């Protein structure tokens, strides 16, 4: 059984301990949120609050190697392994036909899972991701991840993150990094996530997902950041034409991390989609 502590859950699945945050009524329709590479469950804090306010039970997962979840002892962060994690977490929590909202790496994992015949999501929201990504955006993320990962002060990381994404306020970044950084033995600061993730190649090739996602059988929303350098308009159009029941929306003024850059607009678009497609 999961242990609950003030909106935090810890469950065992597939030999790992997974941490989740939880918001909203226990009887509400479950929404499982999956973050991007090197992020945490708290990437969804604003959306979780908004969705909980509409009666959803929002569960945000620290995926393996991230946040307060266990690192993979074998270093396996492949899409297949993480899709297996999704299935195991859903089973451990006893969730029936959850909505899955997933960004970037989490979106690739979600597409892999949702393409399986054994999966039964009520709806899928893919945030700024497709089986085709732009090299310039991926390179920028890789450069940020691979920069010096030990700094003297917490605010050194805040300043670096703000320089990388000036759309966010310093307060917003501080609140996110409070869950993504830890002290070293000598009093400096470093990331919580598994260092293996600093070279995010383990997820493997993704182009084969184009052949798989035609099996996704639930209503799907593709959300693109209007200023994203990761996903192109053409890739989103191909998502819409490949997934049988897929529509798209673009959030103006948002980059790759749409839900953090424009949280109110993101929540409004997703909740309107869910209200329209899951009514009754």
C-alpha atoms as a PDB file:
ATOM      1  CA  UNK A   1       0.000   0.000   0.000  1.00  0.00           C
ATOM      2  CA  UNK A   2       1.263   3.544  -0.692  1.00  0.00           C
ATOM      3  CA  UNK A   3       2.354   5.721   2.211  1.00  0.00           C
ATOM      4  CA  UNK A   4       0.725   9.158   2.200  1.00  0.00           C
ATOM      5  CA  UNK A   5       2.161  12.261   3.857  1.00  0.00           C
ATOM      6  CA  UNK A   6       0.675  15.695   3.176  1.00  0.00           C
ATOM      7  CA  UNK A   7       0.122  15.121  -0.527  1.00  0.00           C
ATOM      8  CA  UNK A   8       3.215  12.950  -1.049  1.00  0.00           C
ATOM      9  CA  UNK A   9       3.080   9.274  -1.949  1.00  0.00           C
ATOM     10  CA  UNK A  10       5.818   6.673  -1.998  1.00  0.00           C
ATOM     11  CA  UNK A  11       5.102   3.337  -3.652  1.00  0.00           C
ATOM     12  CA  UNK A  12       7.147   0.300  -4.583  1.00  0.00           C
ATOM     13  CA  UNK A  13       7.028  -0.970  -8.157  1.00  0.00           C
ATOM     14  CA  UNK A  14       9.412  -3.033 -10.259  1.00  0.00           C
ATOM     15  CA  UNK A  15      11.983  -3.094  -7.470  1.00  0.00           C
ATOM     16  CA  UNK A  16      12.138   0.707  -7.196  1.00  0.00           C
ATOM     17  CA  UNK A  17      10.636   3.253  -4.829  1.00  0.00           C
ATOM     18  CA  UNK A  18       8.662   5.904  -6.703  1.00  0.00           C
ATOM     19  CA  UNK A  19       7.678   9.277  -5.274  1.00  0.00           C
ATOM     20  CA  UNK A  20       4.560  11.156  -6.377  1.00  0.00           C
ATOM     21  CA  UNK A  21       2.759  14.307  -5.363  1.00  0.00           C
ATOM     22  CA  UNK A  22      -1.018  14.161  -4.997  1.00  0.00           C
ATOM     23  CA  UNK A  23      -3.645  16.895  -5.214  1.00  0.00           C
ATOM     24  CA  UNK A  24      -7.427  16.842  -5.376  1.00  0.00           C
ATOM     25  CA  UNK A  25     -10.195  14.564  -4.110  1.00  0.00           C
ATOM     26  CA  UNK A  26      -9.374  10.867  -3.820  1.00  0.00           C
ATOM     27  CA  UNK A  27     -12.619  10.029  -5.636  1.00  0.00           C
ATOM     28  CA  UNK A  28     -11.816  12.344  -8.547  1.00  0.00           C
ATOM     29  CA  UNK A  29     -10.905  11.116 -12.029  1.00  0.00           C
ATOM     30  CA  UNK A  30      -7.183  10.280 -11.884  1.00  0.00           C
ATOM     31  CA  UNK A  31      -4.703  12.341 -13.875  1.00  0.00           C
ATOM     32  CA  UNK A  32      -1.103  11.073 -13.999  1.00  0.00           C
ATOM     33  CA  UNK A  33       1.524  13.686 -14.953  1.00  0.00           C
ATOM     34  CA  UNK A  34       4.972  12.810 -16.319  1.00  0.00           C
ATOM     35  CA  UNK A  35       7.782  15.397 -16.426  1.00  0.00           C
ATOM     36  CA  UNK A  36      10.657  15.925 -18.861  1.00  0.00           C
ATOM     37  CA  UNK A  37      14.253  14.755 -18.528  1.00  0.00           C
ATOM     38  CA  UNK A  38      16.037  16.029 -15.379  1.00  0.00           C
ATOM     39  CA  UNK A  39      12.807  17.634 -14.103  1.00  0.00           C
ATOM     40  CA  UNK A  40      10.598  16.488 -11.205  1.00  0.00           C
ATOM     41  CA  UNK A  41       6.961  15.964 -10.273  1.00  0.00           C
ATOM     42  CA  UNK A  42       6.876  19.601  -9.159  1.00  0.00           C
ATOM     43  CA  UNK A  43       7.113  20.724 -12.786  1.00  0.00           C
ATOM     44  CA  UNK A  44       3.321  20.314 -12.685  1.00  0.00           C
ATOM     45  CA  UNK A  45       2.556  22.236  -9.484  1.00  0.00           C
ATOM     46  CA  UNK A  46       0.446  24.981 -11.072  1.00  0.00           C
ATOM     47  CA  UNK A  47      -1.427  22.589 -13.333  1.00  0.00           C
ATOM     48  CA  UNK A  48      -2.000  20.154 -10.470  1.00  0.00           C
ATOM     49  CA  UNK A  49      -3.554  22.907  -8.379  1.00  0.00           C
ATOM     50  CA  UNK A  50      -5.796  24.053 -11.220  1.00  0.00           C
ATOM     51  CA  UNK A  51      -6.930  20.530 -12.136  1.00  0.00           C
ATOM     52  CA  UNK A  52      -7.522  19.603  -8.483  1.00  0.00           C
ATOM     53  CA  UNK A  53      -9.733  22.659  -8.244  1.00  0.00           C
ATOM     54  CA  UNK A  54     -11.852  21.130 -11.016  1.00  0.00           C
ATOM     55  CA  UNK A  55     -12.280  17.877  -9.112  1.00  0.00           C
ATOM     56  CA  UNK A  56      -9.489  15.790 -10.614  1.00  0.00           C
ATOM     57  CA  UNK A  57      -7.167  13.636  -8.524  1.00  0.00           C
ATOM     58  CA  UNK A  58      -3.774  14.705  -9.855  1.00  0.00           C
ATOM     59  CA  UNK A  59      -0.794  12.425  -9.313  1.00  0.00           C
ATOM     60  CA  UNK A  60       2.594  13.719 -10.496  1.00  0.00           C
ATOM     61  CA  UNK A  61       5.346  11.125 -10.740  1.00  0.00           C
ATOM     62  CA  UNK A  62       9.064  11.511 -10.138  1.00  0.00           C
ATOM     63  CA  UNK A  63      10.137   9.121 -12.888  1.00  0.00           C
ATOM     64  CA  UNK A  64      13.013   6.727 -12.236  1.00  0.00           C
ATOM     65  CA  UNK A  65      16.269   8.531 -11.538  1.00  0.00           C
ATOM     66  CA  UNK A  66      14.550  11.860 -10.876  1.00  0.00           C
ATOM     67  CA  UNK A  67      13.493  13.847  -7.814  1.00  0.00           C
ATOM     68  CA  UNK A  68      12.840  11.637  -4.811  1.00  0.00           C
ATOM     69  CA  UNK A  69      12.406   8.384  -6.742  1.00  0.00           C
ATOM     70  CA  UNK A  70      15.090   5.718  -6.834  1.00  0.00           C
ATOM     71  CA  UNK A  71      17.830   5.677  -9.425  1.00  0.00           C
ATOM     72  CA  UNK A  72      17.940   2.669 -11.748  1.00  0.00           C
ATOM     73  CA  UNK A  73      20.692   0.402 -10.422  1.00  0.00           C
ATOM     74  CA  UNK A  74      21.380  -0.867 -13.941  1.00  0.00           C
ATOM     75  CA  UNK A  75      21.279   2.610 -15.498  1.00  0.00           C
ATOM     76  CA  UNK A  76      18.321   1.671 -17.694  1.00  0.00           C
ATOM     77  CA  UNK A  77      16.372   4.802 -18.619  1.00  0.00           C
ATOM     78  CA  UNK A  78      15.043   3.490 -21.914  1.00  0.00           C
ATOM     79  CA  UNK A  79      11.552   4.283 -23.147  1.00  0.00           C
ATOM     80  CA  UNK A  80      10.572   0.637 -22.728  1.00  0.00           C
ATOM     81  CA  UNK A  81      11.694   0.544 -19.094  1.00  0.00           C
ATOM     82  CA  UNK A  82       9.912   3.768 -18.268  1.00  0.00           C
ATOM     83  CA  UNK A  83       6.741   2.669 -20.071  1.00  0.00           C
ATOM     84  CA  UNK A  84       6.827  -0.451 -17.904  1.00  0.00           C
ATOM     85  CA  UNK A  85       7.134   1.868 -14.894  1.00  0.00           C
ATOM     86  CA  UNK A  86       3.994   3.742 -15.953  1.00  0.00           C
ATOM     87  CA  UNK A  87       2.021   0.511 -16.140  1.00  0.00           C
ATOM     88  CA  UNK A  88       3.377  -0.670 -12.776  1.00  0.00           C
ATOM     89  CA  UNK A  89       2.651   2.646 -11.022  1.00  0.00           C
ATOM     90  CA  UNK A  90      -0.911   2.708 -12.394  1.00  0.00           C
ATOM     91  CA  UNK A  91      -1.437  -0.843 -11.144  1.00  0.00           C
ATOM     92  CA  UNK A  92       0.123  -0.142  -7.732  1.00  0.00           C
ATOM     93  CA  UNK A  93      -2.161   2.863  -7.244  1.00  0.00           C
ATOM     94  CA  UNK A  94      -5.234   1.014  -8.495  1.00  0.00           C
ATOM     95  CA  UNK A  95      -5.979   3.649 -11.131  1.00  0.00           C
ATOM     96  CA  UNK A  96      -8.613   2.821 -13.724  1.00  0.00           C
ATOM     97  CA  UNK A  97      -8.405   4.481 -17.140  1.00  0.00           C
ATOM     98  CA  UNK A  98      -6.354   7.489 -15.974  1.00  0.00           C
ATOM     99  CA  UNK A  99      -5.762  10.620 -17.988  1.00  0.00           C
ATOM    100  CA  UNK A 100      -2.033  10.904 -18.727  1.00  0.00           C
ATOM    101  CA  UNK A 101      -0.471  14.349 -19.209  1.00  0.00           C
ATOM    102  CA  UNK A 102       3.157  14.128 -20.239  1.00  0.00           C
ATOM    103  CA  UNK A 103       5.919  16.461 -21.406  1.00  0.00           C
ATOM    104  CA  UNK A 104       9.044  15.858 -23.487  1.00  0.00           C
ATOM    105  CA  UNK A 105      10.775  12.667 -22.208  1.00  0.00           C
ATOM    106  CA  UNK A 106       7.630  11.890 -20.236  1.00  0.00           C
ATOM    107  CA  UNK A 107       5.639  12.270 -23.435  1.00  0.00           C
ATOM    108  CA  UNK A 108       7.839   9.788 -25.271  1.00  0.00           C
ATOM    109  CA  UNK A 109       7.387   7.358 -22.385  1.00  0.00           C
ATOM    110  CA  UNK A 110       3.634   7.963 -22.423  1.00  0.00           C
ATOM    111  CA  UNK A 111       3.355   7.392 -26.171  1.00  0.00           C
ATOM    112  CA  UNK A 112       5.318   4.147 -25.808  1.00  0.00           C
ATOM    113  CA  UNK A 113       2.994   2.983 -23.019  1.00  0.00           C
ATOM    114  CA  UNK A 114      -0.249   4.187 -24.632  1.00  0.00           C
ATOM    115  CA  UNK A 115       0.602   2.405 -27.901  1.00  0.00           C
ATOM    116  CA  UNK A 116       0.469  -0.969 -26.140  1.00  0.00           C
ATOM    117  CA  UNK A 117      -2.733  -2.978 -26.457  1.00  0.00           C
ATOM    118  CA  UNK A 118      -2.739  -3.545 -22.693  1.00  0.00           C
ATOM    119  CA  UNK A 119      -2.946   0.181 -21.918  1.00  0.00           C
ATOM    120  CA  UNK A 120      -6.247   1.970 -21.362  1.00  0.00           C
ATOM    121  CA  UNK A 121      -5.856   5.721 -20.853  1.00  0.00           C
ATOM    122  CA  UNK A 122      -9.009   7.809 -20.764  1.00  0.00           C
ATOM    123  CA  UNK A 123      -7.164  10.585 -22.579  1.00  0.00           C
ATOM    124  CA  UNK A 124      -3.619  11.592 -23.421  1.00  0.00           C
ATOM    125  CA  UNK A 125      -2.058  15.066 -23.422  1.00  0.00           C
ATOM    126  CA  UNK A 126       1.347  15.336 -25.106  1.00  0.00           C
ATOM    127  CA  UNK A 127       3.217  18.488 -24.175  1.00  0.00           C
ATOM    128  CA  UNK A 128       5.712  19.801 -26.740  1.00  0.00           C
ATOM    129  CA  UNK A 129       6.885  16.417 -27.962  1.00  0.00           C
ATOM    130  CA  UNK A 130       6.569  14.166 -30.982  1.00  0.00           C
ATOM    131  CA  UNK A 131       8.583  11.278 -32.449  1.00  0.00           C
ATOM    132  CA  UNK A 132      10.520  13.944 -34.354  1.00  0.00           C
ATOM    133  CA  UNK A 133      12.407  16.724 -32.528  1.00  0.00           C
ATOM    134  CA  UNK A 134      14.497  19.662 -33.699  1.00  0.00           C
ATOM    135  CA  UNK A 135      18.234  19.270 -33.205  1.00  0.00           C
ATOM    136  CA  UNK A 136      18.790  22.872 -32.091  1.00  0.00           C
ATOM    137  CA  UNK A 137      16.337  22.580 -29.219  1.00  0.00           C
ATOM    138  CA  UNK A 138      17.671  19.218 -28.084  1.00  0.00           C
ATOM    139  CA  UNK A 139      21.250  20.520 -28.250  1.00  0.00           C
ATOM    140  CA  UNK A 140      20.361  23.527 -26.093  1.00  0.00           C
ATOM    141  CA  UNK A 141      18.821  21.259 -23.444  1.00  0.00           C
ATOM    142  CA  UNK A 142      21.834  18.933 -23.557  1.00  0.00           C
ATOM    143  CA  UNK A 143      24.242  21.858 -23.152  1.00  0.00           C
ATOM    144  CA  UNK A 144      22.294  23.089 -20.112  1.00  0.00           C
ATOM    145  CA  UNK A 145      22.252  19.627 -18.544  1.00  0.00           C
ATOM    146  CA  UNK A 146      25.936  19.005 -19.187  1.00  0.00           C
ATOM    147  CA  UNK A 147      27.187  22.287 -17.735  1.00  0.00           C
ATOM    148  CA  UNK A 148      28.983  22.192 -14.365  1.00  0.00           C
ATOM    149  CA  UNK A 149      26.654  20.269 -12.064  1.00  0.00           C
ATOM    150  CA  UNK A 150      28.188  21.338  -8.729  1.00  0.00           C
ATOM    151  CA  UNK A 151      27.976  25.010  -7.712  1.00  0.00           C
ATOM    152  CA  UNK A 152      28.695  26.807  -4.436  1.00  0.00           C
ATOM    153  CA  UNK A 153      25.270  28.389  -3.920  1.00  0.00           C
ATOM    154  CA  UNK A 154      21.651  27.453  -4.523  1.00  0.00           C
ATOM    155  CA  UNK A 155      21.095  30.786  -6.271  1.00  0.00           C
ATOM    156  CA  UNK A 156      23.912  29.997  -8.701  1.00  0.00           C
ATOM    157  CA  UNK A 157      21.623  27.328 -10.136  1.00  0.00           C
ATOM    158  CA  UNK A 158      18.671  29.724 -10.046  1.00  0.00           C
ATOM    159  CA  UNK A 159      20.602  32.285 -12.098  1.00  0.00           C
ATOM    160  CA  UNK A 160      21.740  29.656 -14.591  1.00  0.00           C
ATOM    161  CA  UNK A 161      18.200  28.303 -15.019  1.00  0.00           C
ATOM    162  CA  UNK A 162      16.791  31.805 -15.451  1.00  0.00           C
ATOM    163  CA  UNK A 163      19.374  32.583 -18.128  1.00  0.00           C
ATOM    164  CA  UNK A 164      18.317  29.399 -19.922  1.00  0.00           C
ATOM    165  CA  UNK A 165      14.608  30.273 -19.711  1.00  0.00           C
ATOM    166  CA  UNK A 166      13.867  33.938 -19.055  1.00  0.00           C
ATOM    167  CA  UNK A 167      10.112  33.367 -19.475  1.00  0.00           C
ATOM    168  CA  UNK A 168       9.961  32.228 -15.838  1.00  0.00           C
ATOM    169  CA  UNK A 169      10.259  34.366 -12.750  1.00  0.00           C
ATOM    170  CA  UNK A 170      13.092  33.856 -10.284  1.00  0.00           C
ATOM    171  CA  UNK A 171      10.523  32.836  -7.648  1.00  0.00           C
ATOM    172  CA  UNK A 172       9.086  30.197  -9.981  1.00  0.00           C
ATOM    173  CA  UNK A 173      12.536  28.785 -10.656  1.00  0.00           C
ATOM    174  CA  UNK A 174      13.469  28.768  -6.959  1.00  0.00           C
ATOM    175  CA  UNK A 175      10.327  26.811  -6.106  1.00  0.00           C
ATOM    176  CA  UNK A 176      11.129  24.203  -8.779  1.00  0.00           C
ATOM    177  CA  UNK A 177      14.802  23.856  -7.907  1.00  0.00           C
ATOM    178  CA  UNK A 178      13.992  23.424  -4.222  1.00  0.00           C
ATOM    179  CA  UNK A 179      12.845  19.913  -5.206  1.00  0.00           C
ATOM    180  CA  UNK A 180      15.595  19.227  -7.741  1.00  0.00           C
ATOM    181  CA  UNK A 181      18.790  20.129  -5.843  1.00  0.00           C
ATOM    182  CA  UNK A 182      20.610  18.699  -2.839  1.00  0.00           C
ATOM    183  CA  UNK A 183      23.626  19.557  -0.709  1.00  0.00           C
ATOM    184  CA  UNK A 184      26.947  17.833  -1.283  1.00  0.00           C
ATOM    185  CA  UNK A 185      29.104  16.619   1.600  1.00  0.00           C
ATOM    186  CA  UNK A 186      31.220  19.787   1.400  1.00  0.00           C
ATOM    187  CA  UNK A 187      28.195  22.106   1.529  1.00  0.00           C
ATOM    188  CA  UNK A 188      27.870  22.903  -2.174  1.00  0.00           C
ATOM    189  CA  UNK A 189      24.823  22.173  -4.315  1.00  0.00           C
ATOM    190  CA  UNK A 190      24.153  19.627  -7.040  1.00  0.00           C
ATOM    191  CA  UNK A 191      21.264  17.979  -8.869  1.00  0.00           C
ATOM    192  CA  UNK A 192      19.224  15.174  -7.318  1.00  0.00           C
ATOM    193  CA  UNK A 193      18.848  13.266 -10.562  1.00  0.00           C
ATOM    194  CA  UNK A 194      21.033  10.325 -11.583  1.00  0.00           C
ATOM    195  CA  UNK A 195      24.201  11.630 -13.317  1.00  0.00           C
ATOM    196  CA  UNK A 196      23.601   9.049 -16.056  1.00  0.00           C
ATOM    197  CA  UNK A 197      20.812  11.353 -17.242  1.00  0.00           C
ATOM    198  CA  UNK A 198      23.288  14.146 -17.980  1.00  0.00           C
ATOM    199  CA  UNK A 199      23.884  12.407 -21.297  1.00  0.00           C
ATOM    200  CA  UNK A 200      20.261  11.777 -22.299  1.00  0.00           C
ATOM    201  CA  UNK A 201      20.830   9.187 -25.000  1.00  0.00           C
ATOM    202  CA  UNK A 202      19.550   6.159 -23.106  1.00  0.00           C
ATOM    203  CA  UNK A 203      15.966   6.759 -24.158  1.00  0.00           C
ATOM    204  CA  UNK A 204      17.049   5.474 -27.582  1.00  0.00           C
ATOM    205  CA  UNK A 205      15.835   6.346 -31.024  1.00  0.00           C
ATOM    206  CA  UNK A 206      12.321   7.710 -31.216  1.00  0.00           C
ATOM    207  CA  UNK A 207      11.415   7.755 -34.912  1.00  0.00           C
ATOM    208  CA  UNK A 208       9.942   4.233 -34.678  1.00  0.00           C
ATOM    209  CA  UNK A 209       7.187   5.714 -32.519  1.00  0.00           C
ATOM    210  CA  UNK A 210       5.564   7.000 -35.704  1.00  0.00           C
ATOM    211  CA  UNK A 211       4.788   3.352 -36.509  1.00  0.00           C
ATOM    212  CA  UNK A 212       3.371   2.725 -33.031  1.00  0.00           C
ATOM    213  CA  UNK A 213       1.216   5.731 -32.160  1.00  0.00           C
ATOM    214  CA  UNK A 214      -1.444   4.875 -34.707  1.00  0.00           C
ATOM    215  CA  UNK A 215      -2.576   2.327 -32.115  1.00  0.00           C
ATOM    216  CA  UNK A 216      -3.364   4.987 -29.496  1.00  0.00           C
ATOM    217  CA  UNK A 217      -7.101   4.612 -29.015  1.00  0.00           C
ATOM    218  CA  UNK A 218      -8.021   7.515 -26.732  1.00  0.00           C
ATOM    219  CA  UNK A 219      -8.710  11.210 -27.265  1.00  0.00           C
ATOM    220  CA  UNK A 220      -5.328  12.944 -27.528  1.00  0.00           C
ATOM    221  CA  UNK A 221      -4.307  16.587 -27.314  1.00  0.00           C
ATOM    222  CA  UNK A 222      -0.940  17.763 -28.632  1.00  0.00           C
ATOM    223  CA  UNK A 223       0.137  20.983 -26.907  1.00  0.00           C
ATOM    224  CA  UNK A 224       2.898  23.013 -28.559  1.00  0.00           C
ATOM    225  CA  UNK A 225       4.746  25.984 -27.132  1.00  0.00           C
ATOM    226  CA  UNK A 226       4.440  28.874 -29.567  1.00  0.00           C
ATOM    227  CA  UNK A 227       8.135  29.680 -29.107  1.00  0.00           C
ATOM    228  CA  UNK A 228       9.353  26.089 -28.806  1.00  0.00           C
ATOM    229  CA  UNK A 229      12.643  25.171 -30.467  1.00  0.00           C
ATOM    230  CA  UNK A 230      12.066  21.453 -29.855  1.00  0.00           C
ATOM    231  CA  UNK A 231       8.906  20.603 -31.814  1.00  0.00           C
ATOM    232  CA  UNK A 232       8.023  21.973 -35.243  1.00  0.00           C
ATOM    233  CA  UNK A 233       4.605  22.810 -36.636  1.00  0.00           C
ATOM    234  CA  UNK A 234       5.099  20.033 -39.192  1.00  0.00           C
ATOM    235  CA  UNK A 235       5.744  17.441 -36.475  1.00  0.00           C
ATOM    236  CA  UNK A 236       2.594  18.460 -34.620  1.00  0.00           C
ATOM    237  CA  UNK A 237       0.585  18.234 -37.845  1.00  0.00           C
ATOM    238  CA  UNK A 238       1.930  14.717 -38.362  1.00  0.00           C
ATOM    239  CA  UNK A 239       0.919  13.788 -34.804  1.00  0.00           C
ATOM    240  CA  UNK A 240      -2.621  14.943 -35.533  1.00  0.00           C
ATOM    241  CA  UNK A 241      -2.769  12.931 -38.745  1.00  0.00           C
ATOM    242  CA  UNK A 242      -1.183   9.786 -37.256  1.00  0.00           C
ATOM    243  CA  UNK A 243      -2.988   9.364 -33.920  1.00  0.00           C
ATOM    244  CA  UNK A 244      -6.598   8.480 -34.813  1.00  0.00           C
ATOM    245  CA  UNK A 245      -8.291  10.947 -32.432  1.00  0.00           C
ATOM    246  CA  UNK A 246      -5.849  13.813 -31.999  1.00  0.00           C
ATOM    247  CA  UNK A 247      -6.195  17.577 -31.966  1.00  0.00           C
ATOM    248  CA  UNK A 248      -3.592  20.265 -31.324  1.00  0.00           C
ATOM    249  CA  UNK A 249      -3.330  23.589 -29.569  1.00  0.00           C
ATOM    250  CA  UNK A 250      -0.515  26.140 -29.484  1.00  0.00           C
ATOM    251  CA  UNK A 251       0.175  28.222 -26.386  1.00  0.00           C
ATOM    252  CA  UNK A 252       1.513  31.652 -27.343  1.00  0.00           C
ATOM    253  CA  UNK A 253       4.561  32.898 -25.475  1.00  0.00           C
ATOM    254  CA  UNK A 254       5.578  29.455 -24.212  1.00  0.00           C
ATOM    255  CA  UNK A 255       8.761  27.586 -24.976  1.00  0.00           C
ATOM    256  CA  UNK A 256       9.359  23.880 -24.520  1.00  0.00           C
ATOM    257  CA  UNK A 257       8.197  23.774 -20.864  1.00  0.00           C
ATOM    258  CA  UNK A 258       4.726  24.964 -21.729  1.00  0.00           C
ATOM    259  CA  UNK A 259       3.053  24.261 -18.375  1.00  0.00           C
ATOM    260  CA  UNK A 260       5.664  26.311 -16.500  1.00  0.00           C
ATOM    261  CA  UNK A 261       6.064  29.138 -19.001  1.00  0.00           C
ATOM    262  CA  UNK A 262       2.335  29.869 -19.361  1.00  0.00           C
ATOM    263  CA  UNK A 263       0.636  27.901 -16.560  1.00  0.00           C
ATOM    264  CA  UNK A 264      -2.781  29.567 -16.690  1.00  0.00           C
ATOM    265  CA  UNK A 265      -3.106  29.267 -20.450  1.00  0.00           C
ATOM    266  CA  UNK A 266      -1.863  25.677 -20.378  1.00  0.00           C
ATOM    267  CA  UNK A 267      -4.274  24.623 -17.646  1.00  0.00           C
ATOM    268  CA  UNK A 268      -7.191  26.326 -19.400  1.00  0.00           C
ATOM    269  CA  UNK A 269      -6.486  24.535 -22.704  1.00  0.00           C
ATOM    270  CA  UNK A 270      -6.038  21.104 -21.108  1.00  0.00           C
ATOM    271  CA  UNK A 271      -9.027  21.358 -18.772  1.00  0.00           C
ATOM    272  CA  UNK A 272     -11.264  22.544 -21.608  1.00  0.00           C
ATOM    273  CA  UNK A 273     -10.148  19.550 -23.692  1.00  0.00           C
ATOM    274  CA  UNK A 274     -10.810  17.118 -20.853  1.00  0.00           C
ATOM    275  CA  UNK A 275     -14.182  18.662 -20.066  1.00  0.00           C
ATOM    276  CA  UNK A 276     -15.231  18.417 -23.705  1.00  0.00           C
ATOM    277  CA  UNK A 277     -13.927  14.919 -24.413  1.00  0.00           C
ATOM    278  CA  UNK A 278     -14.622  13.178 -21.096  1.00  0.00           C
ATOM    279  CA  UNK A 279     -18.034  14.615 -20.350  1.00  0.00           C
ATOM    280  CA  UNK A 280     -20.294  12.053 -18.782  1.00  0.00           C
END
